[in-house]
Amino acid sequence: MRRPNSVLLVGCAAFLAVIGQSIAADWEVKNISDGKKNSCLVVSAAKSIFDGYQQVTAQIIVDNKSVAVKSDSVLDMGSSDIGLKVGKRDLVPADKIVKDKQAIFDSNYDEIVKLFKAGREVTLQARFWPTWPATGTHNASFSLMGFTKAYEDAIRCEQ
């Protein structure tokens, strides 16, 4: 009987560990406690997006009642075309901008979470700098691999 090549087995195990880490790194649960109440957020990896003038980052944050997109740059809600699109589905528009740099999605929360759980990738469509010359919309894509597990972990975290 032939024994397996230990170098090959170690190499495969290391490769699988790296793959697992990169998938798990796309979404993480952050526990925020004020001493009285536990609150857990599901946070995406930050993605690079061009704001019409420079490269900035954007991140998706999900709590138990809303989805938010946080940007390093000032968002422009004037054209009402900031939104999230999962696969070939229609763009889900943001409801409002908070503190200039966060797009909030409250009214379609249940639909967005359902799409995130079923999808493979979500694309952020954003427009920036309302007081500067318009540069159009800009996109960043986020993997949804690991979202469902992180979301379920966040629900358990708050209990």
Protein backbone atom coordinates (compact mmCIF):
# COMPACT_ATOMS: atom_id res chain seq x y z
CA MET A 1 0.00 0.00 0.00
CA ARG A 2 1.32 3.39 -0.98
CA ARG A 3 1.54 6.19 1.60
CA PRO A 4 0.34 9.68 0.64
CA ASN A 5 2.96 12.27 -0.13
CA SER A 6 3.15 14.37 3.05
CA VAL A 7 4.46 17.44 1.19
CA LEU A 8 1.45 17.35 -1.12
CA LEU A 9 -0.96 16.98 1.81
CA VAL A 10 0.62 19.90 3.70
CA GLY A 11 0.51 22.03 0.53
CA CYS A 12 -3.17 21.24 -0.04
CA ALA A 13 -4.04 22.01 3.58
CA ALA A 14 -2.22 25.36 3.41
CA PHE A 15 -3.98 26.23 0.14
CA LEU A 16 -7.40 25.41 1.59
CA ALA A 17 -6.64 27.48 4.69
CA VAL A 18 -5.76 30.51 2.55
CA ILE A 19 -8.90 30.06 0.44
CA GLY A 20 -11.04 29.79 3.59
CA GLN A 21 -9.49 32.92 5.06
CA SER A 22 -10.09 34.97 1.91
CA ILE A 23 -13.74 33.90 1.73
CA ALA A 24 -14.31 34.51 5.43
CA ALA A 25 -12.59 37.90 5.16
CA ASP A 26 -15.26 39.26 2.77
CA TRP A 27 -17.79 39.65 5.62
CA GLU A 28 -17.22 39.85 9.35
CA VAL A 29 -19.32 40.37 12.47
CA LYS A 30 -18.43 43.30 14.69
CA ASN A 31 -19.81 43.32 18.22
CA ILE A 32 -20.62 46.76 19.61
CA SER A 33 -21.64 46.85 23.25
CA ASP A 34 -22.57 49.86 25.36
CA GLY A 35 -22.56 47.82 28.56
CA LYS A 36 -26.35 47.40 28.55
CA LYS A 37 -27.10 46.09 25.09
CA ASN A 38 -25.22 43.99 22.55
CA SER A 39 -25.38 45.16 18.97
CA CYS A 40 -23.75 43.24 16.14
CA LEU A 41 -22.98 44.49 12.65
CA VAL A 42 -22.20 42.54 9.50
CA VAL A 43 -19.44 44.43 7.70
CA SER A 44 -18.06 43.82 4.23
CA ALA A 45 -14.45 44.12 3.22
CA ALA A 46 -13.66 47.66 2.04
CA LYS A 47 -13.59 48.02 -1.74
CA SER A 48 -11.91 50.63 -3.87
CA ILE A 49 -14.13 52.97 -5.91
CA PHE A 50 -13.30 56.00 -8.02
CA ASP A 51 -15.26 59.08 -6.88
CA GLY A 52 -14.64 61.03 -10.08
CA TYR A 53 -11.49 62.63 -8.72
CA GLN A 54 -9.61 59.98 -6.71
CA GLN A 55 -9.71 56.38 -5.50
CA VAL A 56 -11.58 56.01 -2.20
CA THR A 57 -13.09 53.06 -0.35
CA ALA A 58 -16.65 51.97 0.31
CA GLN A 59 -18.01 49.38 2.71
CA ILE A 60 -21.41 47.77 3.28
CA ILE A 61 -22.71 47.58 6.86
CA VAL A 62 -25.79 45.56 7.84
CA ASP A 63 -27.47 45.65 11.25
CA ASN A 64 -30.83 44.22 12.36
CA LYS A 65 -32.90 46.93 10.65
CA SER A 66 -30.93 48.69 7.93
CA VAL A 67 -28.26 48.37 5.29
CA ALA A 68 -25.77 51.20 4.90
CA VAL A 69 -22.97 51.97 2.50
CA LYS A 70 -20.18 53.98 4.08
CA SER A 71 -17.82 55.88 1.82
CA ASP A 72 -14.66 57.93 2.31
CA SER A 73 -16.11 60.48 -0.09
CA VAL A 74 -19.17 62.77 -0.07
CA LEU A 75 -22.18 61.10 -1.72
CA ASP A 76 -24.53 62.94 -4.10
CA MET A 77 -28.19 61.95 -3.76
CA GLY A 78 -29.35 64.64 -6.22
CA SER A 79 -29.92 62.28 -9.14
CA SER A 80 -31.46 59.51 -7.01
CA ASP A 81 -29.21 56.91 -8.64
CA ILE A 82 -27.27 55.63 -5.65
CA GLY A 83 -28.17 52.00 -5.12
CA LEU A 84 -27.30 48.34 -4.78
CA LYS A 85 -27.73 45.75 -7.51
CA VAL A 86 -27.49 42.00 -6.91
CA GLY A 87 -26.85 39.98 -10.05
CA LYS A 88 -29.26 40.87 -12.82
CA ARG A 89 -31.90 42.23 -10.43
CA ASP A 90 -33.06 45.85 -10.56
CA LEU A 91 -31.14 48.53 -8.72
CA VAL A 92 -32.43 49.00 -5.16
CA PRO A 93 -32.21 52.76 -4.52
CA ALA A 94 -30.89 54.32 -1.32
CA ASP A 95 -33.47 56.02 0.90
CA LYS A 96 -31.27 58.83 2.18
CA ILE A 97 -27.77 60.09 2.84
CA VAL A 98 -26.59 60.54 6.44
CA LYS A 99 -23.56 62.60 7.46
CA ASP A 100 -22.70 63.12 3.76
CA LYS A 101 -20.86 59.80 3.50
CA GLN A 102 -23.43 57.09 4.28
CA ALA A 103 -26.21 55.87 2.00
CA ILE A 104 -29.01 54.27 4.03
CA PHE A 105 -31.33 51.51 2.77
CA ASP A 106 -34.16 51.12 5.33
CA SER A 107 -37.36 50.70 3.32
CA ASN A 108 -36.09 47.69 1.35
CA TYR A 109 -34.14 46.03 4.19
CA ASP A 110 -35.85 42.61 4.03
CA GLU A 111 -35.54 42.47 0.23
CA ILE A 112 -31.84 43.42 0.30
CA VAL A 113 -30.97 40.82 2.95
CA LYS A 114 -32.86 38.17 0.97
CA LEU A 115 -30.99 39.15 -2.22
CA PHE A 116 -27.65 39.16 -0.38
CA LYS A 117 -28.30 35.65 0.95
CA ALA A 118 -29.20 34.31 -2.50
CA GLY A 119 -26.66 36.25 -4.55
CA ARG A 120 -23.01 35.90 -5.42
CA GLU A 121 -22.09 39.55 -5.85
CA VAL A 122 -23.57 42.98 -5.15
CA THR A 123 -22.63 46.09 -7.07
CA LEU A 124 -22.73 49.51 -5.48
CA GLN A 125 -23.66 52.30 -7.86
CA ALA A 126 -22.71 55.66 -6.38
CA ARG A 127 -22.50 59.30 -7.35
CA PHE A 128 -20.19 61.69 -5.52
CA TRP A 129 -19.52 65.36 -4.85
CA PRO A 130 -22.87 67.19 -5.19
CA THR A 131 -21.25 70.65 -5.31
CA TRP A 132 -18.59 69.80 -7.92
CA PRO A 133 -19.00 69.18 -11.65
CA ALA A 134 -20.83 65.88 -12.14
CA THR A 135 -18.67 62.88 -13.03
CA GLY A 136 -21.49 60.33 -13.39
CA THR A 137 -22.01 57.15 -11.42
CA HIS A 138 -19.20 54.88 -10.31
CA ASN A 139 -19.36 51.21 -9.34
CA ALA A 140 -17.71 48.84 -6.88
CA SER A 141 -18.48 45.14 -6.59
CA PHE A 142 -18.58 43.15 -3.34
CA SER A 143 -18.56 39.37 -3.06
CA LEU A 144 -21.51 37.96 -1.13
CA MET A 145 -19.63 34.76 -0.26
CA GLY A 146 -19.85 34.37 3.51
CA PHE A 147 -22.64 36.92 3.97
CA THR A 148 -25.30 34.41 5.09
CA LYS A 149 -23.06 32.88 7.74
CA ALA A 150 -21.97 36.31 9.02
CA TYR A 151 -25.61 37.49 9.10
CA GLU A 152 -26.70 34.41 11.08
CA ASP A 153 -23.74 34.86 13.45
CA ALA A 154 -24.77 38.51 14.00
CA ILE A 155 -28.33 37.47 14.89
CA ARG A 156 -27.00 34.94 17.44
CA CYS A 157 -24.57 37.57 18.77
CA GLU A 158 -27.42 39.88 19.75
CA GLN A 159 -29.35 37.22 21.66
